[in-house]
Amino acid sequence: HKDQLASLLKEKNEAVSQRDSLSKDNAALDELVEGLQMEVGVRYDSGFQFAIEQLKIVFPDLDEAKLGELDALNKIVDGKLVPFAPTKAT
């Protein structure tokens, strides 16, 4: 009985250790994903701003105020620009 109990305690301790290790790995991966999401957002916006700068060069007579209304997150609804509005998560 003692050997079986010792074996079960060892298995339990190994399982707890593995769980703790996996929890740390999971937290590190969550942090990495969050950082990558931020980087993707920054690059997306940077690319959009670069496209606007190209428009200004190719079409120098465009209205600066109108160009200022452009945003990478705008949507087009019924032929009009509509500002981004986050949807509620369900």
PDB file of N, CA and C in Angstrom:
ATOM      1  N   HIS A   1       0.821  -1.218   0.000  1.00  0.00           N
ATOM      2  CA  HIS A   1       0.000   0.000   0.000  1.00  0.00           C
ATOM      3  C   HIS A   1       0.857   1.271   0.000  1.00  0.00           C
ATOM      4  N   LYS A   2       1.963   1.217   0.783  1.00  0.00           N
ATOM      5  CA  LYS A   2       2.823   2.403   0.863  1.00  0.00           C
ATOM      6  C   LYS A   2       3.423   2.745  -0.495  1.00  0.00           C
ATOM      7  N   ASP A   3       3.844   1.720  -1.225  1.00  0.00           N
ATOM      8  CA  ASP A   3       4.439   1.959  -2.543  1.00  0.00           C
ATOM      9  C   ASP A   3       3.417   2.561  -3.513  1.00  0.00           C
ATOM     10  N   GLN A   4       2.195   2.040  -3.432  1.00  0.00           N
ATOM     11  CA  GLN A   4       1.132   2.549  -4.308  1.00  0.00           C
ATOM     12  C   GLN A   4       0.809   4.003  -3.962  1.00  0.00           C
ATOM     13  N   LEU A   5       0.740   4.305  -2.655  1.00  0.00           N
ATOM     14  CA  LEU A   5       0.466   5.668  -2.206  1.00  0.00           C
ATOM     15  C   LEU A   5       1.586   6.606  -2.637  1.00  0.00           C
ATOM     16  N   ALA A   6       2.820   6.165  -2.465  1.00  0.00           N
ATOM     17  CA  ALA A   6       3.971   6.980  -2.863  1.00  0.00           C
ATOM     18  C   ALA A   6       3.948   7.229  -4.371  1.00  0.00           C
ATOM     19  N   SER A   7       3.599   6.210  -5.133  1.00  0.00           N
ATOM     20  CA  SER A   7       3.529   6.340  -6.586  1.00  0.00           C
ATOM     21  C   SER A   7       2.433   7.322  -6.997  1.00  0.00           C
ATOM     22  N   LEU A   8       1.283   7.223  -6.335  1.00  0.00           N
ATOM     23  CA  LEU A   8       0.182   8.143  -6.640  1.00  0.00           C
ATOM     24  C   LEU A   8       0.528   9.577  -6.270  1.00  0.00           C
ATOM     25  N   LEU A   9       1.192   9.767  -5.137  1.00  0.00           N
ATOM     26  CA  LEU A   9       1.613  11.118  -4.733  1.00  0.00           C
ATOM     27  C   LEU A   9       2.620  11.689  -5.722  1.00  0.00           C
ATOM     28  N   LYS A  10       3.521  10.836  -6.194  1.00  0.00           N
ATOM     29  CA  LYS A  10       4.513  11.280  -7.176  1.00  0.00           C
ATOM     30  C   LYS A  10       3.808  11.701  -8.473  1.00  0.00           C
ATOM     31  N   GLU A  11       2.846  10.881  -8.919  1.00  0.00           N
ATOM     32  CA  GLU A  11       2.087  11.218 -10.129  1.00  0.00           C
ATOM     33  C   GLU A  11       1.338  12.536  -9.960  1.00  0.00           C
ATOM     34  N   LYS A  12       0.743  12.714  -8.779  1.00  0.00           N
ATOM     35  CA  LYS A  12       0.002  13.954  -8.504  1.00  0.00           C
ATOM     36  C   LYS A  12       0.939  15.152  -8.568  1.00  0.00           C
ATOM     37  N   ASN A  13       2.095  15.042  -7.927  1.00  0.00           N
ATOM     38  CA  ASN A  13       3.056  16.145  -7.918  1.00  0.00           C
ATOM     39  C   ASN A  13       3.553  16.460  -9.327  1.00  0.00           C
ATOM     40  N   GLU A  14       3.773  15.419 -10.123  1.00  0.00           N
ATOM     41  CA  GLU A  14       4.204  15.634 -11.508  1.00  0.00           C
ATOM     42  C   GLU A  14       3.104  16.321 -12.317  1.00  0.00           C
ATOM     43  N   ALA A  15       1.865  15.910 -12.083  1.00  0.00           N
ATOM     44  CA  ALA A  15       0.736  16.520 -12.796  1.00  0.00           C
ATOM     45  C   ALA A  15       0.582  17.989 -12.412  1.00  0.00           C
ATOM     46  N   VAL A  16       0.729  18.283 -11.119  1.00  0.00           N
ATOM     47  CA  VAL A  16       0.630  19.672 -10.653  1.00  0.00           C
ATOM     48  C   VAL A  16       1.754  20.505 -11.257  1.00  0.00           C
ATOM     49  N   SER A  17       2.957  19.948 -11.281  1.00  0.00           N
ATOM     50  CA  SER A  17       4.099  20.659 -11.855  1.00  0.00           C
ATOM     51  C   SER A  17       3.883  20.919 -13.347  1.00  0.00           C
ATOM     52  N   GLN A  18       3.381  19.897 -14.045  1.00  0.00           N
ATOM     53  CA  GLN A  18       3.117  20.050 -15.478  1.00  0.00           C
ATOM     54  C   GLN A  18       2.027  21.096 -15.718  1.00  0.00           C
ATOM     55  N   ARG A  19       0.986  21.072 -14.891  1.00  0.00           N
ATOM     56  CA  ARG A  19      -0.090  22.064 -15.018  1.00  0.00           C
ATOM     57  C   ARG A  19       0.459  23.474 -14.829  1.00  0.00           C
ATOM     58  N   ASP A  20       1.290  23.660 -13.797  1.00  0.00           N
ATOM     59  CA  ASP A  20       1.862  24.981 -13.537  1.00  0.00           C
ATOM     60  C   ASP A  20       2.736  25.442 -14.693  1.00  0.00           C
ATOM     61  N   SER A  21       3.519  24.522 -15.231  1.00  0.00           N
ATOM     62  CA  SER A  21       4.380  24.847 -16.366  1.00  0.00           C
ATOM     63  C   SER A  21       3.547  25.234 -17.585  1.00  0.00           C
ATOM     64  N   LEU A  22       2.486  24.475 -17.840  1.00  0.00           N
ATOM     65  CA  LEU A  22       1.618  24.784 -18.983  1.00  0.00           C
ATOM     66  C   LEU A  22       0.884  26.106 -18.790  1.00  0.00           C
ATOM     67  N   SER A  23       0.522  26.419 -17.555  1.00  0.00           N
ATOM     68  CA  SER A  23      -0.131  27.704 -17.276  1.00  0.00           C
ATOM     69  C   SER A  23       0.807  28.861 -17.586  1.00  0.00           C
ATOM     70  N   LYS A  24       2.086  28.701 -17.212  1.00  0.00           N
ATOM     71  CA  LYS A  24       3.080  29.746 -17.510  1.00  0.00           C
ATOM     72  C   LYS A  24       3.265  29.880 -19.016  1.00  0.00           C
ATOM     73  N   ASP A  25       3.359  28.731 -19.708  1.00  0.00           N
ATOM     74  CA  ASP A  25       3.495  28.765 -21.167  1.00  0.00           C
ATOM     75  C   ASP A  25       2.295  29.457 -21.806  1.00  0.00           C
ATOM     76  N   ASN A  26       1.106  29.152 -21.317  1.00  0.00           N
ATOM     77  CA  ASN A  26      -0.118  29.747 -21.846  1.00  0.00           C
ATOM     78  C   ASN A  26      -0.115  31.261 -21.647  1.00  0.00           C
ATOM     79  N   ALA A  27       0.291  31.708 -20.465  1.00  0.00           N
ATOM     80  CA  ALA A  27       0.343  33.150 -20.189  1.00  0.00           C
ATOM     81  C   ALA A  27       1.346  33.832 -21.115  1.00  0.00           C
ATOM     82  N   ALA A  28       2.495  33.186 -21.333  1.00  0.00           N
ATOM     83  CA  ALA A  28       3.510  33.760 -22.220  1.00  0.00           C
ATOM     84  C   ALA A  28       2.982  33.843 -23.652  1.00  0.00           C
ATOM     85  N   LEU A  29       2.272  32.814 -24.087  1.00  0.00           N
ATOM     86  CA  LEU A  29       1.710  32.828 -25.440  1.00  0.00           C
ATOM     87  C   LEU A  29       0.618  33.885 -25.583  1.00  0.00           C
ATOM     88  N   ASP A  30      -0.198  34.047 -24.548  1.00  0.00           N
ATOM     89  CA  ASP A  30      -1.224  35.101 -24.574  1.00  0.00           C
ATOM     90  C   ASP A  30      -0.574  36.468 -24.736  1.00  0.00           C
ATOM     91  N   GLU A  31       0.526  36.685 -24.013  1.00  0.00           N
ATOM     92  CA  GLU A  31       1.245  37.956 -24.095  1.00  0.00           C
ATOM     93  C   GLU A  31       1.820  38.156 -25.498  1.00  0.00           C
ATOM     94  N   LEU A  32       2.379  37.095 -26.060  1.00  0.00           N
ATOM     95  CA  LEU A  32       2.944  37.163 -27.402  1.00  0.00           C
ATOM     96  C   LEU A  32       1.865  37.491 -28.429  1.00  0.00           C
ATOM     97  N   VAL A  33       0.726  36.830 -28.333  1.00  0.00           N
ATOM     98  CA  VAL A  33      -0.385  37.077 -29.262  1.00  0.00           C
ATOM     99  C   VAL A  33      -0.839  38.529 -29.165  1.00  0.00           C
ATOM    100  N   GLU A  34      -0.964  39.037 -27.945  1.00  0.00           N
ATOM    101  CA  GLU A  34      -1.388  40.431 -27.768  1.00  0.00           C
ATOM    102  C   GLU A  34      -0.391  41.386 -28.419  1.00  0.00           C
ATOM    103  N   GLY A  35       0.888  41.129 -28.226  1.00  0.00           N
ATOM    104  CA  GLY A  35       1.919  41.967 -28.842  1.00  0.00           C
ATOM    105  C   GLY A  35       1.860  41.914 -30.357  1.00  0.00           C
ATOM    106  N   LEU A  36       1.663  40.718 -30.897  1.00  0.00           N
ATOM    107  CA  LEU A  36       1.576  40.570 -32.352  1.00  0.00           C
ATOM    108  C   LEU A  36       0.336  41.259 -32.909  1.00  0.00           C
ATOM    109  N   GLN A  37      -0.769  41.188 -32.185  1.00  0.00           N
ATOM    110  CA  GLN A  37      -1.987  41.876 -32.629  1.00  0.00           C
ATOM    111  C   GLN A  37      -1.750  43.382 -32.686  1.00  0.00           C
ATOM    112  N   MET A  38      -1.069  43.906 -31.688  1.00  0.00           N
ATOM    113  CA  MET A  38      -0.765  45.344 -31.686  1.00  0.00           C
ATOM    114  C   MET A  38       0.134  45.695 -32.866  1.00  0.00           C
ATOM    115  N   GLU A  39       1.133  44.860 -33.120  1.00  0.00           N
ATOM    116  CA  GLU A  39       2.055  45.120 -34.220  1.00  0.00           C
ATOM    117  C   GLU A  39       1.331  45.092 -35.566  1.00  0.00           C
ATOM    118  N   VAL A  40       0.436  44.140 -35.738  1.00  0.00           N
ATOM    119  CA  VAL A  40      -0.336  44.060 -36.985  1.00  0.00           C
ATOM    120  C   VAL A  40      -1.172  45.322 -37.160  1.00  0.00           C
ATOM    121  N   GLY A  41      -1.798  45.779 -36.082  1.00  0.00           N
ATOM    122  CA  GLY A  41      -2.603  46.998 -36.143  1.00  0.00           C
ATOM    123  C   GLY A  41      -1.772  48.209 -36.532  1.00  0.00           C
ATOM    124  N   VAL A  42      -0.592  48.317 -35.945  1.00  0.00           N
ATOM    125  CA  VAL A  42       0.296  49.443 -36.250  1.00  0.00           C
ATOM    126  C   VAL A  42       0.731  49.391 -37.711  1.00  0.00           C
ATOM    127  N   ARG A  43       1.096  48.207 -38.180  1.00  0.00           N
ATOM    128  CA  ARG A  43       1.528  48.075 -39.579  1.00  0.00           C
ATOM    129  C   ARG A  43       0.380  48.368 -40.551  1.00  0.00           C
ATOM    130  N   TYR A  44      -0.810  47.917 -40.201  1.00  0.00           N
ATOM    131  CA  TYR A  44      -1.988  48.168 -41.040  1.00  0.00           C
ATOM    132  C   TYR A  44      -2.218  49.669 -41.165  1.00  0.00           C
ATOM    133  N   ASP A  45      -2.199  50.364 -40.031  1.00  0.00           N
ATOM    134  CA  ASP A  45      -2.416  51.810 -40.040  1.00  0.00           C
ATOM    135  C   ASP A  45      -1.290  52.525 -40.781  1.00  0.00           C
ATOM    136  N   SER A  46      -0.061  52.072 -40.572  1.00  0.00           N
ATOM    137  CA  SER A  46       1.078  52.677 -41.256  1.00  0.00           C
ATOM    138  C   SER A  46       0.940  52.526 -42.772  1.00  0.00           C
ATOM    139  N   GLY A  47       0.520  51.353 -43.219  1.00  0.00           N
ATOM    140  CA  GLY A  47       0.314  51.125 -44.650  1.00  0.00           C
ATOM    141  C   GLY A  47      -0.787  52.007 -45.207  1.00  0.00           C
ATOM    142  N   PHE A  48      -1.840  52.188 -44.418  1.00  0.00           N
ATOM    143  CA  PHE A  48      -2.943  53.047 -44.846  1.00  0.00           C
ATOM    144  C   PHE A  48      -2.458  54.495 -44.977  1.00  0.00           C
ATOM    145  N   GLN A  49      -1.703  54.961 -43.991  1.00  0.00           N
ATOM    146  CA  GLN A  49      -1.182  56.328 -44.040  1.00  0.00           C
ATOM    147  C   GLN A  49      -0.243  56.514 -45.231  1.00  0.00           C
ATOM    148  N   PHE A  50       0.539  55.484 -45.543  1.00  0.00           N
ATOM    149  CA  PHE A  50       1.426  55.545 -46.700  1.00  0.00           C
ATOM    150  C   PHE A  50       0.607  55.679 -47.986  1.00  0.00           C
ATOM    151  N   ALA A  51      -0.500  54.962 -48.069  1.00  0.00           N
ATOM    152  CA  ALA A  51      -1.373  55.063 -49.247  1.00  0.00           C
ATOM    153  C   ALA A  51      -1.943  56.474 -49.374  1.00  0.00           C
ATOM    154  N   ILE A  52      -2.310  57.081 -48.249  1.00  0.00           N
ATOM    155  CA  ILE A  52      -2.826  58.467 -48.267  1.00  0.00           C
ATOM    156  C   ILE A  52      -1.743  59.417 -48.777  1.00  0.00           C
ATOM    157  N   GLU A  53      -0.514  59.228 -48.307  1.00  0.00           N
ATOM    158  CA  GLU A  53       0.591  60.082 -48.762  1.00  0.00           C
ATOM    159  C   GLU A  53       0.798  59.931 -50.271  1.00  0.00           C
ATOM    160  N   GLN A  54       0.656  58.723 -50.785  1.00  0.00           N
ATOM    161  CA  GLN A  54       0.783  58.516 -52.230  1.00  0.00           C
ATOM    162  C   GLN A  54      -0.335  59.234 -52.982  1.00  0.00           C
ATOM    163  N   LEU A  55      -1.550  59.179 -52.436  1.00  0.00           N
ATOM    164  CA  LEU A  55      -2.666  59.902 -53.055  1.00  0.00           C
ATOM    165  C   LEU A  55      -2.358  61.391 -53.159  1.00  0.00           C
ATOM    166  N   LYS A  56      -1.785  61.949 -52.104  1.00  0.00           N
ATOM    167  CA  LYS A  56      -1.464  63.384 -52.092  1.00  0.00           C
ATOM    168  C   LYS A  56      -0.455  63.734 -53.179  1.00  0.00           C
ATOM    169  N   ILE A  57       0.457  62.812 -53.459  1.00  0.00           N
ATOM    170  CA  ILE A  57       1.471  63.065 -54.490  1.00  0.00           C
ATOM    171  C   ILE A  57       0.872  62.912 -55.884  1.00  0.00           C
ATOM    172  N   VAL A  58       0.117  61.854 -56.087  1.00  0.00           N
ATOM    173  CA  VAL A  58      -0.447  61.578 -57.412  1.00  0.00           C
ATOM    174  C   VAL A  58      -1.571  62.551 -57.753  1.00  0.00           C
ATOM    175  N   PHE A  59      -2.341  62.949 -56.736  1.00  0.00           N
ATOM    176  CA  PHE A  59      -3.448  63.886 -56.935  1.00  0.00           C
ATOM    177  C   PHE A  59      -3.259  65.094 -56.014  1.00  0.00           C
ATOM    178  N   PRO A  60      -2.323  65.999 -56.355  1.00  0.00           N
ATOM    179  CA  PRO A  60      -1.997  67.117 -55.461  1.00  0.00           C
ATOM    180  C   PRO A  60      -3.154  68.092 -55.242  1.00  0.00           C
ATOM    181  N   ASP A  61      -4.149  68.082 -56.107  1.00  0.00           N
ATOM    182  CA  ASP A  61      -5.259  69.022 -55.967  1.00  0.00           C
ATOM    183  C   ASP A  61      -6.379  68.501 -55.067  1.00  0.00           C
ATOM    184  N   LEU A  62      -6.228  67.319 -54.502  1.00  0.00           N
ATOM    185  CA  LEU A  62      -7.267  66.781 -53.619  1.00  0.00           C
ATOM    186  C   LEU A  62      -7.415  67.649 -52.381  1.00  0.00           C
ATOM    187  N   ASP A  63      -8.620  67.747 -51.899  1.00  0.00           N
ATOM    188  CA  ASP A  63      -8.946  68.540 -50.716  1.00  0.00           C
ATOM    189  C   ASP A  63      -8.338  67.887 -49.467  1.00  0.00           C
ATOM    190  N   GLU A  64      -7.405  68.595 -48.815  1.00  0.00           N
ATOM    191  CA  GLU A  64      -6.739  68.077 -47.606  1.00  0.00           C
ATOM    192  C   GLU A  64      -7.738  67.746 -46.511  1.00  0.00           C
ATOM    193  N   ALA A  65      -8.780  68.570 -46.378  1.00  0.00           N
ATOM    194  CA  ALA A  65      -9.781  68.331 -45.334  1.00  0.00           C
ATOM    195  C   ALA A  65     -10.495  67.004 -45.591  1.00  0.00           C
ATOM    196  N   LYS A  66     -10.811  66.740 -46.851  1.00  0.00           N
ATOM    197  CA  LYS A  66     -11.473  65.476 -47.192  1.00  0.00           C
ATOM    198  C   LYS A  66     -10.545  64.295 -46.922  1.00  0.00           C
ATOM    199  N   LEU A  67      -9.277  64.451 -47.278  1.00  0.00           N
ATOM    200  CA  LEU A  67      -8.319  63.377 -47.006  1.00  0.00           C
ATOM    201  C   LEU A  67      -8.197  63.127 -45.505  1.00  0.00           C
ATOM    202  N   GLY A  68      -8.347  64.188 -44.722  1.00  0.00           N
ATOM    203  CA  GLY A  68      -8.275  64.057 -43.268  1.00  0.00           C
ATOM    204  C   GLY A  68      -9.412  63.235 -42.687  1.00  0.00           C
ATOM    205  N   GLU A  69     -10.499  63.103 -43.435  1.00  0.00           N
ATOM    206  CA  GLU A  69     -11.637  62.304 -42.971  1.00  0.00           C
ATOM    207  C   GLU A  69     -11.392  60.809 -43.138  1.00  0.00           C
ATOM    208  N   LEU A  70     -10.389  60.468 -43.939  1.00  0.00           N
ATOM    209  CA  LEU A  70     -10.117  59.056 -44.193  1.00  0.00           C
ATOM    210  C   LEU A  70      -9.496  58.405 -42.968  1.00  0.00           C
ATOM    211  N   ASP A  71      -9.901  57.170 -42.736  1.00  0.00           N
ATOM    212  CA  ASP A  71      -9.382  56.411 -41.604  1.00  0.00           C
ATOM    213  C   ASP A  71      -9.361  54.944 -42.006  1.00  0.00           C
ATOM    214  N   ALA A  72      -8.347  54.239 -41.595  1.00  0.00           N
ATOM    215  CA  ALA A  72      -8.206  52.829 -41.960  1.00  0.00           C
ATOM    216  C   ALA A  72      -9.369  51.984 -41.464  1.00  0.00           C
ATOM    217  N   LEU A  73     -10.063  52.445 -40.445  1.00  0.00           N
ATOM    218  CA  LEU A  73     -11.145  51.653 -39.867  1.00  0.00           C
ATOM    219  C   LEU A  73     -12.532  52.036 -40.371  1.00  0.00           C
ATOM    220  N   ASN A  74     -12.614  53.114 -41.176  1.00  0.00           N
ATOM    221  CA  ASN A  74     -13.918  53.501 -41.724  1.00  0.00           C
ATOM    222  C   ASN A  74     -14.520  52.367 -42.539  1.00  0.00           C
ATOM    223  N   LYS A  75     -15.837  52.373 -42.601  1.00  0.00           N
ATOM    224  CA  LYS A  75     -16.556  51.447 -43.473  1.00  0.00           C
ATOM    225  C   LYS A  75     -17.262  52.279 -44.534  1.00  0.00           C
ATOM    226  N   ILE A  76     -17.614  51.639 -45.620  1.00  0.00           N
ATOM    227  CA  ILE A  76     -18.411  52.298 -46.651  1.00  0.00           C
ATOM    228  C   ILE A  76     -19.810  51.695 -46.587  1.00  0.00           C
ATOM    229  N   VAL A  77     -20.787  52.555 -46.294  1.00  0.00           N
ATOM    230  CA  VAL A  77     -22.180  52.118 -46.203  1.00  0.00           C
ATOM    231  C   VAL A  77     -23.010  53.024 -47.101  1.00  0.00           C
ATOM    232  N   ASP A  78     -23.695  52.424 -48.047  1.00  0.00           N
ATOM    233  CA  ASP A  78     -24.523  53.180 -48.995  1.00  0.00           C
ATOM    234  C   ASP A  78     -23.744  54.311 -49.659  1.00  0.00           C
ATOM    235  N   GLY A  79     -22.503  54.033 -50.033  1.00  0.00           N
ATOM    236  CA  GLY A  79     -21.689  55.013 -50.735  1.00  0.00           C
ATOM    237  C   GLY A  79     -21.141  56.129 -49.869  1.00  0.00           C
ATOM    238  N   LYS A  80     -21.229  55.994 -48.543  1.00  0.00           N
ATOM    239  CA  LYS A  80     -20.717  57.023 -47.628  1.00  0.00           C
ATOM    240  C   LYS A  80     -19.765  56.393 -46.623  1.00  0.00           C
ATOM    241  N   LEU A  81     -18.800  57.214 -46.181  1.00  0.00           N
ATOM    242  CA  LEU A  81     -17.881  56.749 -45.140  1.00  0.00           C
ATOM    243  C   LEU A  81     -18.572  56.776 -43.790  1.00  0.00           C
ATOM    244  N   VAL A  82     -18.428  55.697 -43.068  1.00  0.00           N
ATOM    245  CA  VAL A  82     -19.025  55.583 -41.741  1.00  0.00           C
ATOM    246  C   VAL A  82     -17.910  55.225 -40.767  1.00  0.00           C
ATOM    247  N   PRO A  83     -17.781  56.002 -39.672  1.00  0.00           N
ATOM    248  CA  PRO A  83     -16.725  55.705 -38.704  1.00  0.00           C
ATOM    249  C   PRO A  83     -16.896  54.320 -38.086  1.00  0.00           C
ATOM    250  N   PHE A  84     -15.781  53.748 -37.718  1.00  0.00           N
ATOM    251  CA  PHE A  84     -15.770  52.440 -37.067  1.00  0.00           C
ATOM    252  C   PHE A  84     -16.494  52.518 -35.736  1.00  0.00           C
ATOM    253  N   ALA A  85     -17.347  51.544 -35.482  1.00  0.00           N
ATOM    254  CA  ALA A  85     -18.021  51.428 -34.188  1.00  0.00           C
ATOM    255  C   ALA A  85     -17.888  49.976 -33.751  1.00  0.00           C
ATOM    256  N   PRO A  86     -17.174  49.745 -32.651  1.00  0.00           N
ATOM    257  CA  PRO A  86     -16.992  48.354 -32.217  1.00  0.00           C
ATOM    258  C   PRO A  86     -18.328  47.711 -31.877  1.00  0.00           C
ATOM    259  N   THR A  87     -18.451  46.449 -32.234  1.00  0.00           N
ATOM    260  CA  THR A  87     -19.666  45.713 -31.894  1.00  0.00           C
ATOM    261  C   THR A  87     -19.475  45.076 -30.533  1.00  0.00           C
ATOM    262  N   LYS A  88     -20.565  44.940 -29.814  1.00  0.00           N
ATOM    263  CA  LYS A  88     -20.492  44.333 -28.484  1.00  0.00           C
ATOM    264  C   LYS A  88     -20.263  42.836 -28.633  1.00  0.00           C
ATOM    265  N   ALA A  89     -19.317  42.326 -27.864  1.00  0.00           N
ATOM    266  CA  ALA A  89     -19.058  40.884 -27.873  1.00  0.00           C
ATOM    267  C   ALA A  89     -20.170  40.181 -27.115  1.00  0.00           C
ATOM    268  N   THR A  90     -20.615  39.082 -27.683  1.00  0.00           N
ATOM    269  CA  THR A  90     -21.676  38.333 -27.006  1.00  0.00           C
ATOM    270  C   THR A  90     -21.121  37.113 -26.329  1.00  0.00           C
TER     271      THR A  90
END
